[in-house]
Protein backbone atom coordinates (compact mmCIF):
# COMPACT_ATOMS: atom_id res chain seq x y z
CA GLY A 1 48.17 89.87 -38.49
CA VAL A 2 47.01 92.58 -36.08
CA GLN A 3 43.97 90.49 -35.11
CA HIS A 4 46.31 87.48 -34.52
CA ASP A 5 48.67 89.67 -32.34
CA HIS A 6 45.78 91.07 -30.42
CA GLY A 7 44.53 87.45 -29.79
CA CYS A 8 47.93 86.30 -28.57
CA LEU A 9 48.14 89.39 -26.31
CA CYS A 10 44.74 88.68 -24.83
CA LEU A 11 45.65 84.99 -24.27
CA LEU A 12 48.86 86.13 -22.54
CA CYS A 13 46.97 88.56 -20.31
CA LEU A 14 44.44 85.80 -19.50
CA CYS A 15 47.28 83.48 -18.61
CA ASP A 16 48.86 86.00 -16.35
CA ARG A 17 45.60 86.71 -14.72
CA LEU A 18 44.83 82.99 -14.16
CA CYS A 19 48.35 82.29 -12.81
CA LEU A 20 48.06 85.11 -10.29
CA GLN A 21 44.46 84.22 -9.51
CA PHE A 22 45.46 80.66 -8.83
CA LEU A 23 48.27 81.90 -6.48
CA TRP A 24 45.84 84.36 -4.79
CA ASP A 25 43.15 81.65 -4.32
CA PHE A 26 45.88 79.50 -2.76
CA VAL A 27 46.76 82.33 -0.38
CA THR A 28 43.11 83.29 0.50
CA ALA A 29 42.48 79.56 1.27
CA LYS A 30 44.67 80.19 4.27
CA GLU A 31 42.47 83.20 5.34
CA PRO A 32 42.32 82.38 9.12
CA LEU A 33 46.16 82.26 9.22
CA ILE A 34 46.55 85.41 7.10
CA LYS A 35 44.03 87.39 9.16
CA SER A 36 45.69 86.25 12.40
CA PRO A 37 47.82 88.78 14.34
CA TYR A 38 50.66 86.27 14.34
CA PHE A 39 50.87 86.09 10.56
CA PRO A 40 53.17 89.19 9.82
CA VAL A 41 55.84 88.13 12.28
CA LEU A 42 55.73 84.45 11.20
CA PHE A 43 55.83 85.52 7.54
CA SER A 44 58.77 87.90 8.06
CA PHE A 45 60.92 85.56 10.21
CA THR A 46 60.26 82.46 8.16
CA ALA A 47 61.12 84.26 4.91
CA TYR A 48 64.26 85.80 6.40
CA MET A 49 65.59 82.46 7.73
CA ALA A 50 64.65 80.66 4.54
CA PHE A 51 66.56 83.29 2.38
CA CYS A 52 69.55 83.10 4.80
CA LEU A 53 69.78 79.33 4.62
CA PRO A 54 71.39 78.92 1.11
CA TYR A 55 74.12 81.42 2.06
CA ILE A 56 74.70 79.67 5.41
CA ALA A 57 75.23 76.36 3.48
CA LEU A 58 77.50 78.25 1.18
CA ASP A 59 79.61 79.66 3.99
CA PHE A 60 80.24 76.12 5.34
CA LEU A 61 80.70 74.54 1.95
CA SER A 62 83.10 77.13 0.52
CA THR A 63 85.59 76.56 3.29
CA ARG A 64 85.93 73.00 2.00
CA LEU A 65 85.40 73.56 -1.72
CA PRO A 66 87.98 76.00 -3.30
CA ASN A 67 85.82 76.29 -6.41
CA LEU A 68 83.17 78.17 -4.44
CA ARG A 69 85.72 80.45 -2.78
CA LYS A 70 86.05 82.58 -5.86
CA TYR A 71 82.53 83.90 -5.39
CA LYS A 72 83.27 85.33 -1.89
CA ILE A 73 83.78 88.99 -1.98
CA GLN A 74 86.22 88.91 1.01
CA PRO A 75 87.66 85.41 0.69
CA GLN A 76 89.93 85.92 3.68
CA SER A 77 87.15 85.92 6.22
CA TYR A 78 84.43 83.34 6.81
CA PRO A 79 81.73 83.49 9.57
CA THR A 80 81.89 80.78 12.29
CA LEU A 81 79.06 79.15 13.95
CA GLY A 82 79.91 81.28 17.00
CA MET A 83 79.32 84.41 14.86
CA MET A 84 76.14 83.11 13.36
CA VAL A 85 74.32 81.98 16.46
CA PRO A 86 74.07 85.41 18.19
CA CYS A 87 72.63 86.88 15.03
CA ILE A 88 69.86 84.20 14.87
CA ILE A 89 69.11 84.72 18.63
CA GLN A 90 68.96 88.45 18.29
CA SER A 91 66.75 88.22 15.23
CA ALA A 92 64.28 85.84 16.92
CA TYR A 93 64.21 88.03 20.00
CA HIS A 94 63.55 91.15 18.04
CA HIS A 95 60.71 89.46 16.10
CA VAL A 96 58.97 88.23 19.38
CA VAL A 97 59.64 91.23 21.67
CA LEU A 98 59.54 94.07 19.13
CA ILE A 99 58.03 93.31 15.77
CA PHE A 100 55.13 91.28 17.13
CA PRO A 101 53.72 94.09 19.45
CA VAL A 102 54.02 96.54 16.55
CA THR A 103 52.36 94.28 13.98
CA PHE A 104 49.72 93.46 16.58
CA PHE A 105 48.71 97.10 16.92
CA HIS A 106 48.76 97.46 13.20
CA TRP A 107 46.51 94.45 12.89
CA TYR A 108 44.16 95.90 15.47
CA TRP A 109 44.17 99.32 13.83
CA ARG A 110 43.94 98.26 10.21
CA PRO A 111 42.26 94.80 9.84
CA VAL A 112 43.27 92.74 6.90
CA ASN A 113 41.00 92.98 3.91
CA LEU A 114 41.37 90.17 1.24
CA PRO A 115 39.78 90.99 -2.09
CA VAL A 116 38.45 88.20 -4.20
CA MET A 117 40.22 89.18 -7.40
CA ALA A 118 43.94 88.99 -7.82
CA PRO A 119 45.95 91.92 -9.27
CA GLU A 120 47.11 91.89 -12.92
CA LEU A 121 50.72 91.14 -13.64
CA PRO A 122 51.79 94.56 -15.00
CA GLU A 123 50.29 96.19 -11.95
CA VAL A 124 52.22 93.88 -9.59
CA LEU A 125 55.54 94.39 -11.45
CA LEU A 126 55.05 98.21 -11.59
CA GLU A 127 54.02 98.52 -7.92
CA VAL A 128 56.70 96.24 -6.57
CA GLY A 129 59.29 98.27 -8.55
CA ALA A 130 57.86 101.47 -7.20
CA CYS A 131 57.90 100.18 -3.64
CA LEU A 132 61.54 99.12 -4.07
CA LEU A 133 62.64 102.48 -5.53
CA LEU A 134 60.79 104.33 -2.66
CA PHE A 135 62.36 102.05 0.01
CA ASP A 136 65.77 102.61 -1.56
CA PHE A 137 65.34 106.34 -1.29
CA GLU A 138 64.00 106.36 2.26
CA TYR A 139 66.76 104.00 3.44
CA PHE A 140 69.46 106.11 1.52
CA LEU A 141 68.47 109.31 3.49
CA TRP A 142 68.22 107.42 6.80
CA HIS A 143 71.49 105.75 6.22
CA LEU A 144 73.32 108.89 5.16
CA LEU A 145 72.00 110.79 8.18
CA HIS A 146 73.03 108.02 10.57
CA HIS A 147 76.57 108.12 9.23
CA ARG A 148 76.91 111.92 9.08
CA VAL A 149 75.67 112.65 12.56
CA PRO A 150 78.11 110.97 15.05
CA TRP A 151 75.57 110.71 17.85
CA LEU A 152 73.09 108.93 15.60
CA TYR A 153 75.81 106.56 14.30
CA LYS A 154 77.10 105.68 17.81
CA THR A 155 73.61 105.30 19.40
CA PHE A 156 71.68 103.54 16.65
CA HIS A 157 73.70 102.33 13.63
CA LYS A 158 77.08 101.22 15.03
CA VAL A 159 75.68 97.79 16.00
CA HIS A 160 75.04 96.97 12.34
CA HIS A 161 78.65 97.76 11.51
CA LYS A 162 80.05 95.25 13.98
CA HIS A 163 81.00 92.99 11.06
CA ILE A 164 83.36 94.54 8.47
CA SER A 165 83.00 91.36 6.39
CA THR A 166 79.22 90.69 6.17
CA PHE A 167 77.37 87.31 5.92
CA ALA A 168 73.61 86.65 5.42
CA LEU A 169 72.70 86.56 9.06
CA THR A 170 74.11 90.09 9.65
CA THR A 171 71.31 91.47 7.50
CA GLN A 172 68.98 92.08 10.52
CA TYR A 173 71.84 92.41 13.07
CA SER A 174 70.94 95.86 14.17
CA SER A 175 69.61 98.13 16.86
CA VAL A 176 65.80 98.28 17.75
CA TRP A 177 65.52 101.78 16.16
CA GLU A 178 67.10 100.75 12.90
CA LEU A 179 64.90 97.63 12.64
CA LEU A 180 61.78 99.57 13.41
CA SER A 181 62.71 102.45 10.96
CA LEU A 182 63.33 100.07 8.03
CA GLY A 183 60.29 98.01 8.89
CA PHE A 184 58.21 101.14 8.96
CA PHE A 185 59.50 102.16 5.50
CA ALA A 186 58.79 98.73 4.09
CA ALA A 187 55.31 98.65 5.61
CA ILE A 188 54.24 102.13 4.69
CA ASN A 189 55.16 102.11 0.97
CA PRO A 190 52.50 99.53 -0.20
CA VAL A 191 49.93 101.53 1.82
CA LEU A 192 50.85 104.70 0.25
CA LEU A 193 50.79 103.22 -3.23
CA ARG A 194 47.48 101.38 -2.40
CA CYS A 195 48.84 98.06 -3.33
CA HIS A 196 46.81 94.77 -3.53
CA PRO A 197 47.67 92.49 -0.55
CA LEU A 198 49.34 90.05 -2.94
CA THR A 199 51.51 92.76 -4.32
CA GLU A 200 52.36 93.80 -0.82
CA MET A 201 53.45 90.21 0.15
CA ILE A 202 55.51 89.93 -3.06
CA PHE A 203 57.24 93.20 -2.24
CA PHE A 204 58.00 92.06 1.31
CA LEU A 205 59.60 88.80 -0.02
CA VAL A 206 61.63 90.65 -2.75
CA ASN A 207 62.79 93.23 -0.24
CA ILE A 208 63.83 90.59 2.32
CA TRP A 209 65.69 88.54 -0.43
CA LEU A 210 67.50 91.58 -1.79
CA SER A 211 68.68 92.77 1.72
CA VAL A 212 69.91 89.26 2.50
CA GLU A 213 71.63 89.06 -0.92
CA ASP A 214 73.27 92.51 -0.17
CA HIS A 215 74.81 91.24 3.07
CA SER A 216 75.54 87.65 1.82
CA GLY A 217 79.26 88.43 1.08
CA TYR A 218 78.96 86.64 -2.28
CA ASP A 219 79.07 87.77 -5.88
CA LEU A 220 77.41 84.90 -7.75
CA PRO A 221 76.92 84.58 -11.47
CA TRP A 222 73.14 85.06 -11.03
CA SER A 223 73.38 87.88 -8.46
CA THR A 224 70.79 90.72 -9.05
CA HIS A 225 73.40 93.35 -9.92
CA ARG A 226 74.51 91.16 -12.78
CA LEU A 227 70.89 90.85 -14.10
CA VAL A 228 70.17 94.56 -14.06
CA PRO A 229 72.00 96.34 -16.86
CA PHE A 230 74.10 99.65 -16.86
CA GLY A 231 75.28 99.39 -13.29
CA LEU A 232 72.03 100.69 -12.08
CA TYR A 233 71.84 98.18 -9.29
CA GLY A 234 74.76 97.87 -6.80
CA GLY A 235 73.99 94.63 -4.93
CA ALA A 236 76.34 92.66 -2.73
CA PRO A 237 79.69 94.10 -3.96
CA HIS A 238 78.33 97.67 -3.59
CA HIS A 239 77.06 97.10 -0.08
CA ASP A 240 80.00 94.97 1.02
CA LEU A 241 82.27 97.92 0.15
CA HIS A 242 80.12 100.09 2.43
CA HIS A 243 80.73 97.81 5.44
CA LEU A 244 84.52 97.64 4.57
CA LYS A 245 84.97 101.50 3.89
CA PHE A 246 82.10 103.20 5.82
CA LYS A 247 82.26 106.44 3.82
CA SER A 248 80.32 105.52 0.61
CA ASN A 249 77.55 103.37 -1.01
CA TYR A 250 74.71 104.31 1.39
CA ALA A 251 71.80 103.22 -0.87
CA PRO A 252 70.88 99.62 -0.20
CA TYR A 253 70.05 98.56 -3.80
CA PHE A 254 70.29 101.03 -6.61
CA THR A 255 73.25 103.21 -7.46
CA HIS A 256 71.60 106.54 -8.62
CA TRP A 257 71.33 108.26 -5.25
CA ASP A 258 74.98 107.55 -4.34
CA ARG A 259 76.02 108.91 -7.87
CA LEU A 260 73.89 111.89 -7.41
CA PHE A 261 75.28 112.76 -3.90
CA GLY A 262 78.82 111.98 -4.77
CA THR A 263 78.98 109.10 -2.33
CA PHE A 264 79.34 106.28 -4.97
CA THR A 265 82.49 104.00 -4.97
CA GLU A 266 82.94 101.49 -7.68
CA SER A 267 83.09 97.95 -6.52
CA HIS A 268 85.38 95.65 -8.45
CA SER A 269 83.18 92.58 -8.76
CA HIS A 270 84.91 89.34 -9.86
């Protein structure tokens, strides 16, 4: 029995390793693109827009389909095209004028190294989780500070609070300083934890997805906060309440820092 279990486990590990190796081989086949100074900015903007698209579609559909309206956290307000377009323009502008020069210097200073072997699945899951927890903590402190110090709020964070009812494209609607701060937190964590480049890419994708979901304005049956037990993860209802009330729910993803600091407000999800 033990030998059989051990055999199954080895087979499972091999399958994980082969799947990740297949994915990593697919990625490294595009080596010239990945090693190009344009890759980080293209990767970031493409992922962001791709993750926003389903919610943009939902925003237009749910005004016509009452069945979808029940998933909207603030059903009385819907974004218009006139609200969406400036967000897209600002995001594209920030990526070209701001993020590109920064990632170019990073590319110049720390050339991309692509190992032959893919990481193992447990390592990927553990490190992506650690990067998310670390980012959550860094952003919580940054966010709390930028709400508690009026000058910081007015100068840097107020832009992001233009919309009381958020929609997917408001995720990156922010000041230059805010975008750079959060970009720095996201970029430095995989470096600190010495993550494999594939793990780093997966973390970036998960982080972009979760931040878009946070601002989507929808509480869907498969939303992340419904998949994570014990209310450990706040998600869209948690962050939506922050935009509505300002005075609570400063952590972007998890709820433990807000509970610890006494800044947690329960969101009444549908």
